[in-house]
Amino acid sequence: MVVIMVFKWLDQLFPPEYSEIIMTFTRKDPDLIKNYLKNLQERYNGKDIDGIRKDLVEKYKEEDYPKILIVTDMLLTGFDAPILQVMYFDKPIKEHRLLQAVARVNRPFRGVKEAGLIFDYVGIFRELEKALAIYTKEDVVQVVQNIEEERKEFVSLINETMAIFEGIDKTNYDRPTLMEAIKRILANKENTKEFEKNFKILRKKFELLGPDPEKIKFLDEFKWISAIYYAYLRHVNRVDPDEEQRYVKKYFGRTLKYIHETVAIDKIREDFPTISIDADYITKLEAKYDKLADKISDMVFALKKFMLVERTRNPIYETIVEKVDRILKERNEDRVSNEEFYNNLKGAIDGINEIDKRKIELELKNAQYATLLILEDKLGKSERLIDEIKSLFEDIGPSMFKGWSLKKSVEKEIGQIIRKKIRKYQFPNSNLDEVYDKIIDALKKSD
């Protein structure tokens, strides 16, 4: 009877599909429960109760609704739902059944969930120590933690993270202040690692603690750290936090809602645009920023993201990647001025655009163009070389199916054709094997 009353109460607060009851049914059930079963079967087109339960469980794990399952004597075994975050106990259970119940909520999930939250309305945890007695203390350390420990850890992490930004105005959210904070994060690897790790843990605990009074005391600090995180991801990683995987949105709904309501996200997006490298990049950069330092900072991280993505994926940019590496090394060694550094970065971006433009004009695919660039680096440009590249790929094309590089016999066959084709060239300051290895490596990257 209590379960039905709870269900009616939920029905007043949420849409009908928001919550469902999974329970056992018997012939001796009162009319109220029999009527609920009848209504349930009507909603599920006459399915039997086992089929309905299966549908409900799948919807709970995979879809937006239902968000709440009210369970009586069900789902203690064989129910694996990492999405389950909160469990409410209002019925005494003991021993292995208690452990089975607790285990339903403790599944870690995709780096966004590391623990579950249990509300104990009947003093159930007095039985937990008995249930865990069969294990050694080392095996069960921190298996269950009082919410007070979560509060302490949240406060400790807030203070630890804020200490990274000592001396920075923590009431200001403008670009210069957030840029100063970003520079502090990037000052050393320890700061970078600590900030990224701490924010992800803070986000979990912020969600877990709900309206906890201790959390509320640190709302301003969490808001400021969140603003830095948004700016950091956009400027350094060149991504928008709102585009993170759907699991983050699913697990941190309340936290993200709070951030969006209290942090000027649109202003951060405006102050920290993620300008992609293309033919219009420099024009957009010049229009956005007046200060040379801001232009340089954006170019550095735009190129780093470009290198991260393209270094192993697209061999046509190998010479540009090497060039950017040299440019950044010169800067780190203080061998160039700001103006020289800016012009060098601009030259690298112009080089990327020139590669893209020429590839389109020549109507070559990535593997063809990468091979052409390798040979041009040794032999210089010529129309004849372009024609010979096209001829080479007519010969090896039939063997270059998806995954060819995993088959040694195919690689050998392609290699023999390439060696035969390039043996006629004289390579100053290089030998045939060196050029061959570069071409094969480029083709494998294009596979």
Protein backbone atom coordinates (compact mmCIF):
# COMPACT_ATOMS: atom_id res chain seq x y z
CA MET A 1 0.00 0.00 0.00
CA VAL A 2 2.87 2.39 0.81
CA VAL A 3 4.34 1.80 -2.63
CA ILE A 4 1.09 2.74 -4.36
CA MET A 5 0.82 5.90 -2.29
CA VAL A 6 4.36 6.86 -3.22
CA PHE A 7 3.57 6.22 -6.85
CA LYS A 8 0.51 8.47 -6.68
CA TRP A 9 2.60 11.18 -5.08
CA LEU A 10 5.18 10.94 -7.83
CA ASP A 11 2.45 11.01 -10.45
CA GLN A 12 1.40 14.43 -9.18
CA LEU A 13 4.93 15.80 -9.58
CA PHE A 14 6.10 14.21 -12.80
CA PRO A 15 4.68 13.09 -16.15
CA PRO A 16 3.27 9.52 -16.09
CA GLU A 17 6.28 8.07 -17.87
CA TYR A 18 8.73 9.63 -15.39
CA SER A 19 8.47 6.82 -12.83
CA GLU A 20 7.48 3.16 -12.85
CA ILE A 21 6.94 0.40 -10.28
CA ILE A 22 8.63 -2.97 -10.64
CA MET A 23 7.09 -5.37 -8.16
CA THR A 24 5.75 -8.89 -7.61
CA PHE A 25 2.07 -9.59 -8.16
CA THR A 26 -0.06 -12.38 -6.63
CA ARG A 27 -3.68 -13.50 -6.86
CA LYS A 28 -4.25 -12.33 -3.29
CA ASP A 29 -3.30 -8.72 -4.06
CA PRO A 30 -5.90 -6.08 -3.09
CA ASP A 31 -7.96 -4.48 -5.86
CA LEU A 32 -5.77 -1.38 -5.86
CA ILE A 33 -2.73 -3.42 -6.92
CA LYS A 34 -4.74 -5.59 -9.34
CA ASN A 35 -6.04 -2.44 -11.02
CA TYR A 36 -2.49 -1.11 -11.31
CA LEU A 37 -1.40 -4.37 -13.01
CA LYS A 38 -4.34 -4.15 -15.42
CA ASN A 39 -3.47 -0.56 -16.29
CA LEU A 40 0.17 -1.55 -16.79
CA GLN A 41 -0.72 -4.33 -19.22
CA GLU A 42 -3.00 -2.01 -21.18
CA ARG A 43 -0.16 0.49 -21.56
CA TYR A 44 2.14 -2.29 -22.81
CA ASN A 45 -0.31 -3.78 -25.31
CA GLY A 46 -1.18 -6.88 -23.32
CA LYS A 47 2.35 -8.10 -22.66
CA ASP A 48 2.88 -10.46 -19.74
CA ILE A 49 4.50 -9.09 -16.60
CA ASP A 50 7.95 -10.52 -17.43
CA GLY A 51 7.94 -8.78 -20.81
CA ILE A 52 6.83 -5.52 -19.22
CA ARG A 53 9.61 -5.70 -16.62
CA LYS A 54 12.18 -6.33 -19.34
CA ASP A 55 10.95 -3.31 -21.32
CA LEU A 56 10.99 -1.09 -18.24
CA VAL A 57 14.52 -2.10 -17.29
CA GLU A 58 15.82 -1.48 -20.82
CA LYS A 59 14.11 1.91 -21.01
CA TYR A 60 15.52 2.88 -17.62
CA LYS A 61 19.06 2.00 -18.69
CA GLU A 62 18.99 3.37 -22.23
CA GLU A 63 16.31 6.08 -22.50
CA ASP A 64 15.36 9.31 -20.74
CA TYR A 65 12.23 7.84 -19.14
CA PRO A 66 11.50 6.41 -16.69
CA LYS A 67 14.01 8.18 -14.45
CA ILE A 68 12.72 6.57 -11.25
CA LEU A 69 12.11 2.89 -10.56
CA ILE A 70 10.15 1.94 -7.44
CA VAL A 71 11.15 -1.64 -6.68
CA THR A 72 9.70 -4.19 -4.25
CA ASP A 73 11.39 -7.60 -4.02
CA MET A 74 12.85 -7.23 -7.52
CA LEU A 75 16.14 -6.56 -9.34
CA LEU A 76 18.42 -7.73 -6.53
CA THR A 77 20.26 -10.12 -8.84
CA GLY A 78 21.08 -9.92 -12.52
CA PHE A 79 20.36 -6.17 -12.71
CA ASP A 80 23.39 -4.26 -14.00
CA ALA A 81 22.60 -0.60 -14.65
CA PRO A 82 25.61 1.73 -14.27
CA ILE A 83 23.24 4.64 -14.84
CA LEU A 84 21.68 4.02 -11.40
CA GLN A 85 22.99 6.81 -9.18
CA VAL A 86 20.66 7.05 -6.17
CA MET A 87 18.87 4.39 -4.13
CA TYR A 88 16.33 4.98 -1.34
CA PHE A 89 15.92 2.27 1.31
CA ASP A 90 12.58 2.11 3.16
CA LYS A 91 12.48 -1.63 3.81
CA PRO A 92 14.70 -3.63 6.22
CA ILE A 93 16.94 -6.20 4.50
CA LYS A 94 19.98 -8.07 5.80
CA GLU A 95 23.08 -10.06 4.92
CA HIS A 96 23.57 -11.06 1.28
CA ARG A 97 20.37 -9.34 0.15
CA LEU A 98 21.67 -6.06 1.57
CA LEU A 99 24.98 -6.49 -0.27
CA GLN A 100 23.11 -7.30 -3.47
CA ALA A 101 21.01 -4.16 -3.10
CA VAL A 102 24.01 -1.93 -2.41
CA ALA A 103 25.82 -3.43 -5.39
CA ARG A 104 23.08 -2.15 -7.72
CA VAL A 105 24.17 1.45 -7.21
CA ASN A 106 27.95 1.16 -6.98
CA ARG A 107 28.79 0.51 -10.63
CA PRO A 108 31.46 2.90 -11.97
CA PHE A 109 30.64 4.23 -15.43
CA ARG A 110 32.74 5.79 -18.22
CA GLY A 111 34.77 8.03 -15.93
CA VAL A 112 31.75 10.10 -14.88
CA LYS A 113 30.39 7.88 -12.11
CA GLU A 114 32.58 6.39 -9.42
CA ALA A 115 30.06 5.83 -6.62
CA GLY A 116 26.36 5.79 -5.85
CA LEU A 117 24.32 7.60 -3.23
CA ILE A 118 22.11 5.70 -0.78
CA PHE A 119 19.42 7.28 1.42
CA ASP A 120 18.74 5.12 4.46
CA TYR A 121 15.29 5.70 5.96
CA VAL A 122 15.16 2.61 8.17
CA GLY A 123 18.64 2.35 9.71
CA ILE A 124 19.71 -0.29 7.22
CA PHE A 125 23.41 0.46 7.56
CA ARG A 126 23.47 -0.90 11.06
CA GLU A 127 23.33 -4.25 9.28
CA LEU A 128 26.04 -3.44 6.78
CA GLU A 129 28.97 -4.08 9.08
CA LYS A 130 27.59 -7.57 9.76
CA ALA A 131 27.11 -8.20 6.07
CA LEU A 132 30.70 -7.17 5.32
CA ALA A 133 32.16 -9.23 8.16
CA ILE A 134 33.03 -12.09 5.82
CA TYR A 135 35.58 -9.84 4.06
CA THR A 136 38.95 -8.59 5.29
CA LYS A 137 39.20 -4.91 6.28
CA GLU A 138 41.50 -4.24 3.33
CA ASP A 139 38.93 -5.59 0.89
CA VAL A 140 36.12 -3.34 2.11
CA VAL A 141 37.98 -0.12 2.94
CA GLN A 142 35.87 2.85 1.76
CA VAL A 143 33.26 0.55 0.21
CA VAL A 144 30.69 2.69 1.98
CA GLN A 145 31.34 6.22 3.13
CA ASN A 146 29.24 8.58 5.18
CA ILE A 147 28.12 11.69 3.33
CA GLU A 148 30.12 13.71 5.85
CA GLU A 149 33.32 12.38 4.25
CA GLU A 150 32.10 13.57 0.86
CA ARG A 151 31.53 17.03 2.31
CA LYS A 152 35.06 17.15 3.70
CA GLU A 153 36.58 15.99 0.43
CA PHE A 154 34.58 18.57 -1.53
CA VAL A 155 35.76 21.43 0.70
CA SER A 156 39.35 20.16 0.64
CA LEU A 157 39.37 19.94 -3.16
CA ILE A 158 37.85 23.42 -3.50
CA ASN A 159 40.60 24.90 -1.33
CA GLU A 160 43.32 22.89 -3.06
CA THR A 161 42.16 24.03 -6.50
CA MET A 162 41.73 27.66 -5.52
CA ALA A 163 45.30 27.64 -4.20
CA ILE A 164 46.55 27.20 -7.78
CA PHE A 165 45.22 30.68 -8.52
CA GLU A 166 46.61 32.50 -5.49
CA GLY A 167 46.88 36.24 -6.16
CA ILE A 168 44.30 36.27 -8.99
CA ASP A 169 41.05 38.21 -8.51
CA LYS A 170 38.53 35.45 -7.89
CA THR A 171 35.51 37.73 -8.25
CA ASN A 172 36.31 38.67 -11.85
CA TYR A 173 35.22 36.73 -14.94
CA ASP A 174 36.63 38.90 -17.75
CA ARG A 175 39.03 37.56 -20.39
CA PRO A 176 42.26 38.98 -18.89
CA THR A 177 41.48 37.37 -15.52
CA LEU A 178 40.54 34.01 -17.00
CA MET A 179 43.60 34.12 -19.27
CA GLU A 180 45.77 34.73 -16.22
CA ALA A 181 44.18 31.69 -14.60
CA ILE A 182 44.77 29.60 -17.73
CA LYS A 183 48.44 30.62 -17.76
CA ARG A 184 48.69 29.52 -14.14
CA ILE A 185 47.24 26.13 -15.08
CA LEU A 186 49.75 25.78 -17.91
CA ALA A 187 52.69 27.01 -15.83
CA ASN A 188 53.77 23.42 -15.19
CA LYS A 189 52.52 19.88 -15.79
CA GLU A 190 51.61 19.45 -12.11
CA ASN A 191 49.20 22.39 -12.21
CA THR A 192 47.62 21.17 -15.45
CA LYS A 193 47.15 17.63 -14.17
CA GLU A 194 45.87 18.80 -10.79
CA PHE A 195 43.33 21.25 -12.22
CA GLU A 196 41.84 18.82 -14.74
CA LYS A 197 41.66 16.00 -12.18
CA ASN A 198 40.26 18.20 -9.41
CA PHE A 199 37.51 19.73 -11.52
CA LYS A 200 36.22 16.35 -12.68
CA ILE A 201 36.11 15.11 -9.07
CA LEU A 202 34.52 18.35 -7.85
CA ARG A 203 31.84 18.05 -10.51
CA LYS A 204 30.98 14.54 -9.29
CA LYS A 205 30.83 15.62 -5.66
CA PHE A 206 28.87 18.79 -6.48
CA GLU A 207 26.21 16.62 -8.13
CA LEU A 208 26.33 14.02 -5.37
CA LEU A 209 25.90 16.51 -2.52
CA GLY A 210 22.72 18.05 -3.95
CA PRO A 211 21.43 20.90 -1.71
CA ASP A 212 23.88 20.08 1.09
CA PRO A 213 24.49 23.20 3.28
CA GLU A 214 28.27 22.69 3.28
CA LYS A 215 28.33 22.68 -0.51
CA ILE A 216 26.24 25.83 -0.67
CA LYS A 217 28.90 27.72 1.31
CA PHE A 218 31.31 27.24 -1.61
CA LEU A 219 29.02 28.03 -4.54
CA ASP A 220 31.01 31.14 -5.48
CA GLU A 221 34.28 29.22 -5.55
CA PHE A 222 32.81 26.39 -7.61
CA LYS A 223 31.26 28.90 -10.02
CA TRP A 224 34.62 30.63 -10.57
CA ILE A 225 36.47 27.34 -11.06
CA SER A 226 33.76 26.26 -13.54
CA ALA A 227 34.23 29.47 -15.53
CA ILE A 228 37.96 28.78 -15.73
CA TYR A 229 37.27 25.22 -16.84
CA TYR A 230 34.97 26.42 -19.65
CA ALA A 231 37.52 29.00 -20.81
CA TYR A 232 40.38 26.50 -20.51
CA LEU A 233 38.63 23.84 -22.61
CA ARG A 234 37.69 26.35 -25.30
CA HIS A 235 41.05 28.12 -25.50
CA VAL A 236 43.48 25.25 -24.89
CA ASN A 237 41.61 22.11 -26.00
CA ARG A 238 39.53 23.99 -28.61
CA VAL A 239 36.27 22.31 -27.58
CA ASP A 240 33.06 23.51 -26.00
CA PRO A 241 32.29 21.77 -22.68
CA ASP A 242 28.64 21.53 -23.73
CA GLU A 243 29.72 19.24 -26.54
CA GLU A 244 31.17 16.68 -24.14
CA GLN A 245 29.87 13.15 -24.39
CA ARG A 246 26.22 12.61 -23.56
CA TYR A 247 27.13 10.72 -20.39
CA VAL A 248 28.46 13.90 -18.77
CA LYS A 249 25.18 15.68 -19.48
CA LYS A 250 23.24 12.70 -18.21
CA TYR A 251 25.12 12.36 -14.93
CA PHE A 252 25.64 16.01 -14.09
CA GLY A 253 22.29 17.52 -15.01
CA ARG A 254 21.91 19.58 -11.82
CA THR A 255 25.55 20.71 -11.91
CA LEU A 256 25.43 21.79 -15.54
CA LYS A 257 22.13 23.56 -14.95
CA TYR A 258 23.68 25.48 -12.04
CA ILE A 259 26.73 26.43 -14.12
CA HIS A 260 24.57 27.67 -16.99
CA GLU A 261 22.38 29.67 -14.64
CA THR A 262 25.23 31.35 -12.76
CA VAL A 263 28.17 31.54 -15.18
CA ALA A 264 28.03 33.83 -18.21
CA ILE A 265 28.67 30.99 -20.67
CA ASP A 266 27.85 33.08 -23.73
CA LYS A 267 30.36 35.74 -22.63
CA ILE A 268 33.04 33.06 -22.22
CA ARG A 269 32.24 31.75 -25.70
CA GLU A 270 32.59 35.28 -27.06
CA ASP A 271 35.85 35.93 -25.20
CA PHE A 272 37.31 32.51 -26.05
CA PRO A 273 36.22 31.63 -29.59
CA THR A 274 37.36 28.32 -31.07
CA ILE A 275 38.50 29.53 -34.48
CA SER A 276 39.33 26.58 -36.73
CA ILE A 277 42.34 26.66 -39.03
CA ASP A 278 41.14 27.24 -42.58
CA ALA A 279 41.64 29.74 -45.40
CA ASP A 280 39.91 32.47 -43.35
CA TYR A 281 41.63 31.79 -40.02
CA ILE A 282 44.04 34.75 -40.07
CA THR A 283 41.28 37.15 -41.18
CA LYS A 284 39.02 36.00 -38.32
CA LEU A 285 41.92 36.17 -35.86
CA GLU A 286 42.83 39.74 -36.84
CA ALA A 287 39.18 40.78 -36.57
CA LYS A 288 38.77 39.21 -33.12
CA TYR A 289 41.93 40.28 -31.31
CA ASP A 290 43.78 43.60 -31.17
CA LYS A 291 46.66 42.53 -28.94
CA LEU A 292 49.53 40.55 -30.42
CA ALA A 293 49.74 38.37 -27.30
CA ASP A 294 46.09 37.29 -27.75
CA LYS A 295 46.66 36.45 -31.42
CA ILE A 296 49.76 34.41 -30.60
CA SER A 297 48.02 32.52 -27.80
CA ASP A 298 45.10 31.56 -30.04
CA MET A 299 47.41 30.49 -32.87
CA VAL A 300 49.56 28.34 -30.58
CA PHE A 301 46.63 26.32 -29.25
CA ALA A 302 44.89 26.16 -32.63
CA LEU A 303 48.07 24.69 -34.13
CA LYS A 304 48.61 22.33 -31.19
CA LYS A 305 45.09 20.97 -31.61
CA PHE A 306 45.70 20.68 -35.35
CA MET A 307 48.93 18.76 -34.74
CA LEU A 308 47.27 16.49 -32.18
CA VAL A 309 44.56 15.51 -34.65
CA GLU A 310 46.58 15.36 -37.85
CA ARG A 311 49.99 14.07 -36.69
CA THR A 312 48.99 10.41 -36.90
CA ARG A 313 45.91 10.68 -39.10
CA ASN A 314 46.92 12.63 -42.17
CA PRO A 315 50.44 12.31 -43.63
CA ILE A 316 50.08 15.28 -46.00
CA TYR A 317 50.75 17.62 -43.07
CA GLU A 318 53.92 15.92 -41.85
CA THR A 319 56.21 18.73 -43.01
CA ILE A 320 53.94 21.32 -41.34
CA VAL A 321 53.91 19.36 -38.08
CA GLU A 322 57.70 19.26 -38.11
CA LYS A 323 57.80 22.99 -38.86
CA VAL A 324 55.46 23.85 -35.98
CA ASP A 325 57.57 21.72 -33.64
CA ARG A 326 60.65 23.77 -34.61
CA ILE A 327 58.77 27.06 -34.22
CA LEU A 328 57.55 26.20 -30.72
CA LYS A 329 60.99 24.96 -29.69
CA GLU A 330 62.58 28.24 -30.81
CA ARG A 331 60.02 30.14 -28.76
CA ASN A 332 60.55 28.02 -25.65
CA GLU A 333 64.26 28.70 -25.93
CA ASP A 334 63.64 32.49 -26.26
CA ARG A 335 65.35 32.62 -29.62
CA VAL A 336 62.72 34.76 -31.36
CA SER A 337 60.78 37.95 -30.59
CA ASN A 338 57.00 38.13 -30.33
CA GLU A 339 56.77 39.58 -33.85
CA GLU A 340 58.99 36.86 -35.31
CA PHE A 341 57.06 34.19 -33.45
CA TYR A 342 53.76 35.52 -34.78
CA ASN A 343 55.05 35.62 -38.36
CA ASN A 344 56.45 32.08 -38.04
CA LEU A 345 53.10 30.79 -36.78
CA LYS A 346 51.32 32.65 -39.56
CA GLY A 347 53.69 31.02 -42.05
CA ALA A 348 52.79 27.57 -40.71
CA ILE A 349 49.08 28.29 -41.08
CA ASP A 350 49.64 29.64 -44.60
CA GLY A 351 51.48 26.40 -45.33
CA ILE A 352 48.49 24.33 -44.18
CA ASN A 353 46.16 26.32 -46.40
CA GLU A 354 48.53 26.05 -49.36
CA ILE A 355 48.66 22.27 -48.95
CA ASP A 356 44.87 22.06 -48.84
CA LYS A 357 44.43 24.34 -51.84
CA ARG A 358 46.99 22.54 -54.00
CA LYS A 359 45.62 19.08 -53.15
CA ILE A 360 42.19 20.18 -54.38
CA GLU A 361 43.65 21.73 -57.54
CA LEU A 362 45.61 18.57 -58.37
CA GLU A 363 42.58 16.39 -57.57
CA LEU A 364 44.70 14.03 -55.46
CA LYS A 365 43.69 11.92 -52.48
CA ASN A 366 45.58 12.11 -49.20
CA ALA A 367 47.79 9.06 -49.87
CA GLN A 368 48.64 10.29 -53.39
CA TYR A 369 49.39 13.80 -52.21
CA ALA A 370 51.51 12.60 -49.27
CA THR A 371 53.62 10.51 -51.66
CA LEU A 372 53.99 13.46 -54.00
CA LEU A 373 55.17 15.72 -51.17
CA ILE A 374 57.76 13.14 -50.06
CA LEU A 375 59.20 12.87 -53.56
CA GLU A 376 59.04 16.64 -54.18
CA ASP A 377 61.00 17.20 -50.97
CA LYS A 378 63.85 15.20 -52.54
CA LEU A 379 63.44 15.94 -56.25
CA GLY A 380 61.66 19.29 -56.52
CA LYS A 381 58.36 20.04 -58.24
CA SER A 382 57.55 18.94 -61.78
CA GLU A 383 54.47 18.08 -63.84
CA ARG A 384 56.08 14.79 -64.77
CA LEU A 385 56.29 13.77 -61.12
CA ILE A 386 52.57 14.44 -60.62
CA ASP A 387 51.72 12.22 -63.60
CA GLU A 388 53.99 9.46 -62.31
CA ILE A 389 52.32 9.55 -58.89
CA LYS A 390 48.94 9.08 -60.54
CA SER A 391 50.37 6.19 -62.56
CA LEU A 392 51.83 4.60 -59.41
CA PHE A 393 48.46 4.65 -57.65
CA GLU A 394 46.74 3.15 -60.68
CA ASP A 395 49.08 0.19 -60.18
CA ILE A 396 48.78 -0.18 -56.40
CA GLY A 397 45.18 1.05 -56.04
CA PRO A 398 43.51 -2.38 -56.40
CA SER A 399 45.59 -3.70 -53.49
CA MET A 400 44.87 -0.77 -51.15
CA PHE A 401 41.61 -2.01 -49.70
CA LYS A 402 40.59 -0.98 -46.16
CA GLY A 403 42.93 -2.72 -43.72
CA TRP A 404 45.56 -3.70 -46.31
CA SER A 405 48.36 -2.59 -44.00
CA LEU A 406 47.48 -5.40 -41.57
CA LYS A 407 48.31 -8.05 -44.19
CA LYS A 408 52.05 -8.58 -44.66
CA SER A 409 51.64 -10.21 -48.04
CA VAL A 410 49.73 -7.21 -49.40
CA GLU A 411 52.22 -4.75 -47.91
CA LYS A 412 55.02 -6.69 -49.60
CA GLU A 413 53.19 -6.62 -52.93
CA ILE A 414 52.60 -2.86 -52.73
CA GLY A 415 56.16 -2.30 -51.57
CA GLN A 416 57.62 -4.11 -54.57
CA ILE A 417 55.65 -1.91 -56.99
CA ILE A 418 56.73 1.27 -55.18
CA ARG A 419 60.42 0.25 -55.14
CA LYS A 420 60.31 -0.51 -58.83
CA LYS A 421 58.75 2.88 -59.59
CA ILE A 422 61.11 5.04 -57.51
CA ARG A 423 64.35 3.12 -58.18
CA LYS A 424 64.97 5.26 -61.28
CA TYR A 425 65.26 8.45 -59.21
CA GLN A 426 68.47 9.83 -57.74
CA PHE A 427 67.90 11.17 -54.22
CA PRO A 428 70.49 13.74 -53.11
CA ASN A 429 71.39 13.37 -49.40
CA SER A 430 69.03 10.36 -49.11
CA ASN A 431 68.92 6.72 -50.15
CA LEU A 432 66.20 4.60 -51.68
CA ASP A 433 65.35 2.83 -48.43
CA GLU A 434 64.80 6.09 -46.54
CA VAL A 435 62.40 7.46 -49.16
CA TYR A 436 60.64 4.10 -49.48
CA ASP A 437 60.09 3.87 -45.70
CA LYS A 438 58.56 7.37 -45.66
CA ILE A 439 56.16 6.51 -48.48
CA ILE A 440 55.06 3.24 -46.89
CA ASP A 441 54.55 4.96 -43.53
CA ALA A 442 52.44 7.67 -45.21
CA LEU A 443 50.31 5.06 -46.98
CA LYS A 444 49.73 3.17 -43.73
CA LYS A 445 48.56 6.36 -42.02
CA SER A 446 46.10 6.91 -44.86
CA ASP A 447 44.69 3.38 -44.54
